[in-house]
Amino acid sequence: MSDSDLDSLSGLRGVVATLRFYDDGTLAEAAGQLDQLDMQLAAELCYANGRIMHHGSDVLMTLSGTGGWPPRGWMMMGNEMSVCAVAEVACFVRNREASFNDVFRSLEALSQK
């Protein structure tokens, strides 16, 4: 993935910052309107939340006795802004401006690169 990939996601309506993080939660690259420290903290948050989602998936598989619960992404929605993530790519968006369908389509495409 290149900076231009994150820049293309940043170009979507309502997206204010984008980032990609490594498997240990460290920041790999970022673009947008957050400073470097905030981006590192955001990478750690996104990594931790992704791990929680995977744990929840394991619990659902155990309780249901069936597979088919692997999470691909997640969203944490606030009053004015939200965080959306798929795999190791995440973005911060302004709720009133963003098309969440467009955001998740782009996140999915970027996570495949």
C-alpha atoms as a PDB file:
ATOM      1  CA  MET A   1       0.000   0.000   0.000  1.00  0.00           C
ATOM      2  CA  SER A   2       1.305   3.464  -0.793  1.00  0.00           C
ATOM      3  CA  ASP A   3       0.624   6.940   0.542  1.00  0.00           C
ATOM      4  CA  SER A   4      -1.450   7.595  -2.576  1.00  0.00           C
ATOM      5  CA  ASP A   5      -3.768   4.744  -1.504  1.00  0.00           C
ATOM      6  CA  LEU A   6      -4.390   6.428   1.844  1.00  0.00           C
ATOM      7  CA  ASP A   7      -4.695   9.772   0.064  1.00  0.00           C
ATOM      8  CA  SER A   8      -7.436   8.337  -2.156  1.00  0.00           C
ATOM      9  CA  LEU A   9      -9.358   7.255   0.953  1.00  0.00           C
ATOM     10  CA  SER A  10      -8.730  10.693   2.496  1.00  0.00           C
ATOM     11  CA  GLY A  11     -10.308  12.213  -0.601  1.00  0.00           C
ATOM     12  CA  LEU A  12     -13.710  10.703   0.175  1.00  0.00           C
ATOM     13  CA  ARG A  13     -16.342  13.107   1.433  1.00  0.00           C
ATOM     14  CA  GLY A  14     -16.198  13.392   5.240  1.00  0.00           C
ATOM     15  CA  VAL A  15     -12.923  11.506   5.754  1.00  0.00           C
ATOM     16  CA  VAL A  16     -10.519  13.578   7.866  1.00  0.00           C
ATOM     17  CA  ALA A  17      -7.700  11.105   8.533  1.00  0.00           C
ATOM     18  CA  THR A  18      -6.594   7.654   7.400  1.00  0.00           C
ATOM     19  CA  LEU A  19      -4.029   5.217   8.705  1.00  0.00           C
ATOM     20  CA  ARG A  20      -2.578   1.778   8.278  1.00  0.00           C
ATOM     21  CA  PHE A  21      -1.068  -0.107  11.201  1.00  0.00           C
ATOM     22  CA  TYR A  22       1.078  -3.202  11.688  1.00  0.00           C
ATOM     23  CA  ASP A  23       0.040  -6.429  13.412  1.00  0.00           C
ATOM     24  CA  ASP A  24       1.456  -5.150  16.705  1.00  0.00           C
ATOM     25  CA  GLY A  25      -0.524  -1.879  16.619  1.00  0.00           C
ATOM     26  CA  THR A  26       2.303   0.424  15.592  1.00  0.00           C
ATOM     27  CA  LEU A  27       1.601   3.038  12.952  1.00  0.00           C
ATOM     28  CA  ALA A  28       2.736   2.075   9.446  1.00  0.00           C
ATOM     29  CA  GLU A  29       1.568   5.182   7.568  1.00  0.00           C
ATOM     30  CA  ALA A  30      -0.969   7.957   7.882  1.00  0.00           C
ATOM     31  CA  ALA A  31      -2.587  10.810   5.992  1.00  0.00           C
ATOM     32  CA  GLY A  32      -4.947  13.559   7.012  1.00  0.00           C
ATOM     33  CA  GLN A  33      -5.667  16.057   9.722  1.00  0.00           C
ATOM     34  CA  LEU A  34      -4.261  14.428  12.880  1.00  0.00           C
ATOM     35  CA  ASP A  35      -0.777  14.999  14.267  1.00  0.00           C
ATOM     36  CA  GLN A  36       1.732  12.140  14.478  1.00  0.00           C
ATOM     37  CA  LEU A  37       1.127  11.371  18.169  1.00  0.00           C
ATOM     38  CA  ASP A  38      -2.635  11.222  17.641  1.00  0.00           C
ATOM     39  CA  MET A  39      -2.122   8.942  14.641  1.00  0.00           C
ATOM     40  CA  GLN A  40       0.021   6.555  16.729  1.00  0.00           C
ATOM     41  CA  LEU A  41      -2.623   6.496  19.468  1.00  0.00           C
ATOM     42  CA  ALA A  42      -5.300   5.916  16.814  1.00  0.00           C
ATOM     43  CA  ALA A  43      -3.316   2.971  15.412  1.00  0.00           C
ATOM     44  CA  GLU A  44      -3.112   1.428  18.880  1.00  0.00           C
ATOM     45  CA  LEU A  45      -6.855   1.968  19.418  1.00  0.00           C
ATOM     46  CA  CYS A  46      -7.731   0.423  16.066  1.00  0.00           C
ATOM     47  CA  TYR A  47      -5.480  -2.571  16.650  1.00  0.00           C
ATOM     48  CA  ALA A  48      -6.916  -3.172  20.141  1.00  0.00           C
ATOM     49  CA  ASN A  49     -10.509  -2.826  18.972  1.00  0.00           C
ATOM     50  CA  GLY A  50      -9.858  -5.243  16.106  1.00  0.00           C
ATOM     51  CA  ARG A  51      -8.497  -7.802  18.586  1.00  0.00           C
ATOM     52  CA  ILE A  52     -11.624  -7.358  20.736  1.00  0.00           C
ATOM     53  CA  MET A  53     -13.791  -7.961  17.653  1.00  0.00           C
ATOM     54  CA  HIS A  54     -11.890 -11.184  16.923  1.00  0.00           C
ATOM     55  CA  HIS A  55     -12.368 -12.324  20.520  1.00  0.00           C
ATOM     56  CA  GLY A  56     -16.104 -11.611  20.233  1.00  0.00           C
ATOM     57  CA  SER A  57     -16.168 -13.662  17.053  1.00  0.00           C
ATOM     58  CA  ASP A  58     -14.593 -16.596  18.874  1.00  0.00           C
ATOM     59  CA  VAL A  59     -17.232 -16.336  21.616  1.00  0.00           C
ATOM     60  CA  LEU A  60     -20.061 -16.297  19.038  1.00  0.00           C
ATOM     61  CA  MET A  61     -18.635 -19.381  17.338  1.00  0.00           C
ATOM     62  CA  THR A  62     -18.430 -21.180  20.683  1.00  0.00           C
ATOM     63  CA  LEU A  63     -21.947 -20.189  21.761  1.00  0.00           C
ATOM     64  CA  SER A  64     -23.555 -20.954  18.403  1.00  0.00           C
ATOM     65  CA  GLY A  65     -21.609 -24.126  17.712  1.00  0.00           C
ATOM     66  CA  THR A  66     -21.079 -22.930  14.127  1.00  0.00           C
ATOM     67  CA  GLY A  67     -18.413 -21.056  12.233  1.00  0.00           C
ATOM     68  CA  GLY A  68     -18.980 -18.101   9.979  1.00  0.00           C
ATOM     69  CA  TRP A  69     -18.389 -15.244  12.414  1.00  0.00           C
ATOM     70  CA  PRO A  70     -14.978 -13.901  11.355  1.00  0.00           C
ATOM     71  CA  PRO A  71     -15.028 -10.093  11.537  1.00  0.00           C
ATOM     72  CA  ARG A  72     -13.649  -8.164   8.575  1.00  0.00           C
ATOM     73  CA  GLY A  73     -14.116  -4.705   9.992  1.00  0.00           C
ATOM     74  CA  TRP A  74     -15.783  -2.551  12.589  1.00  0.00           C
ATOM     75  CA  MET A  75     -17.133   0.922  13.261  1.00  0.00           C
ATOM     76  CA  MET A  76     -17.180   3.022  16.440  1.00  0.00           C
ATOM     77  CA  MET A  77     -19.756   5.785  16.036  1.00  0.00           C
ATOM     78  CA  GLY A  78     -19.706   8.986  18.045  1.00  0.00           C
ATOM     79  CA  ASN A  79     -22.095  11.931  17.939  1.00  0.00           C
ATOM     80  CA  GLU A  80     -20.132  13.839  15.304  1.00  0.00           C
ATOM     81  CA  MET A  81     -17.256  11.589  14.242  1.00  0.00           C
ATOM     82  CA  SER A  82     -16.721   7.874  13.781  1.00  0.00           C
ATOM     83  CA  VAL A  83     -13.819   5.487  13.321  1.00  0.00           C
ATOM     84  CA  CYS A  84     -14.168   2.843  10.603  1.00  0.00           C
ATOM     85  CA  ALA A  85     -11.708   0.004  10.057  1.00  0.00           C
ATOM     86  CA  VAL A  86     -11.199  -3.055   7.871  1.00  0.00           C
ATOM     87  CA  ALA A  87      -8.196  -5.277   8.573  1.00  0.00           C
ATOM     88  CA  GLU A  88      -5.216  -2.948   9.175  1.00  0.00           C
ATOM     89  CA  VAL A  89      -6.661   0.164   7.496  1.00  0.00           C
ATOM     90  CA  ALA A  90      -8.784   2.723   9.357  1.00  0.00           C
ATOM     91  CA  CYS A  91     -10.199   6.201   8.942  1.00  0.00           C
ATOM     92  CA  PHE A  92     -11.858   8.948  10.950  1.00  0.00           C
ATOM     93  CA  VAL A  93     -14.966  10.476   9.396  1.00  0.00           C
ATOM     94  CA  ARG A  94     -17.425  13.277  10.026  1.00  0.00           C
ATOM     95  CA  ASN A  95     -20.795  11.511  10.317  1.00  0.00           C
ATOM     96  CA  ARG A  96     -22.905  14.159   8.601  1.00  0.00           C
ATOM     97  CA  GLU A  97     -20.636  14.339   5.580  1.00  0.00           C
ATOM     98  CA  ALA A  98     -19.617  10.732   4.990  1.00  0.00           C
ATOM     99  CA  SER A  99     -21.182   7.983   2.945  1.00  0.00           C
ATOM    100  CA  PHE A 100     -20.404   4.978   5.129  1.00  0.00           C
ATOM    101  CA  ASN A 101     -21.057   2.639   2.200  1.00  0.00           C
ATOM    102  CA  ASP A 102     -18.358   4.425   0.181  1.00  0.00           C
ATOM    103  CA  VAL A 103     -16.000   4.454   3.162  1.00  0.00           C
ATOM    104  CA  PHE A 104     -16.321   0.725   3.819  1.00  0.00           C
ATOM    105  CA  ARG A 105     -16.045  -0.146   0.108  1.00  0.00           C
ATOM    106  CA  SER A 106     -12.788   1.803  -0.052  1.00  0.00           C
ATOM    107  CA  LEU A 107     -11.478   0.329   3.205  1.00  0.00           C
ATOM    108  CA  GLU A 108     -12.245  -3.170   1.929  1.00  0.00           C
ATOM    109  CA  ALA A 109     -10.446  -2.500  -1.358  1.00  0.00           C
ATOM    110  CA  LEU A 110      -7.396  -1.033   0.406  1.00  0.00           C
ATOM    111  CA  SER A 111      -7.214  -3.912   2.863  1.00  0.00           C
ATOM    112  CA  GLN A 112      -6.845  -6.319  -0.074  1.00  0.00           C
ATOM    113  CA  LYS A 113      -3.684  -4.599  -1.365  1.00  0.00           C
END
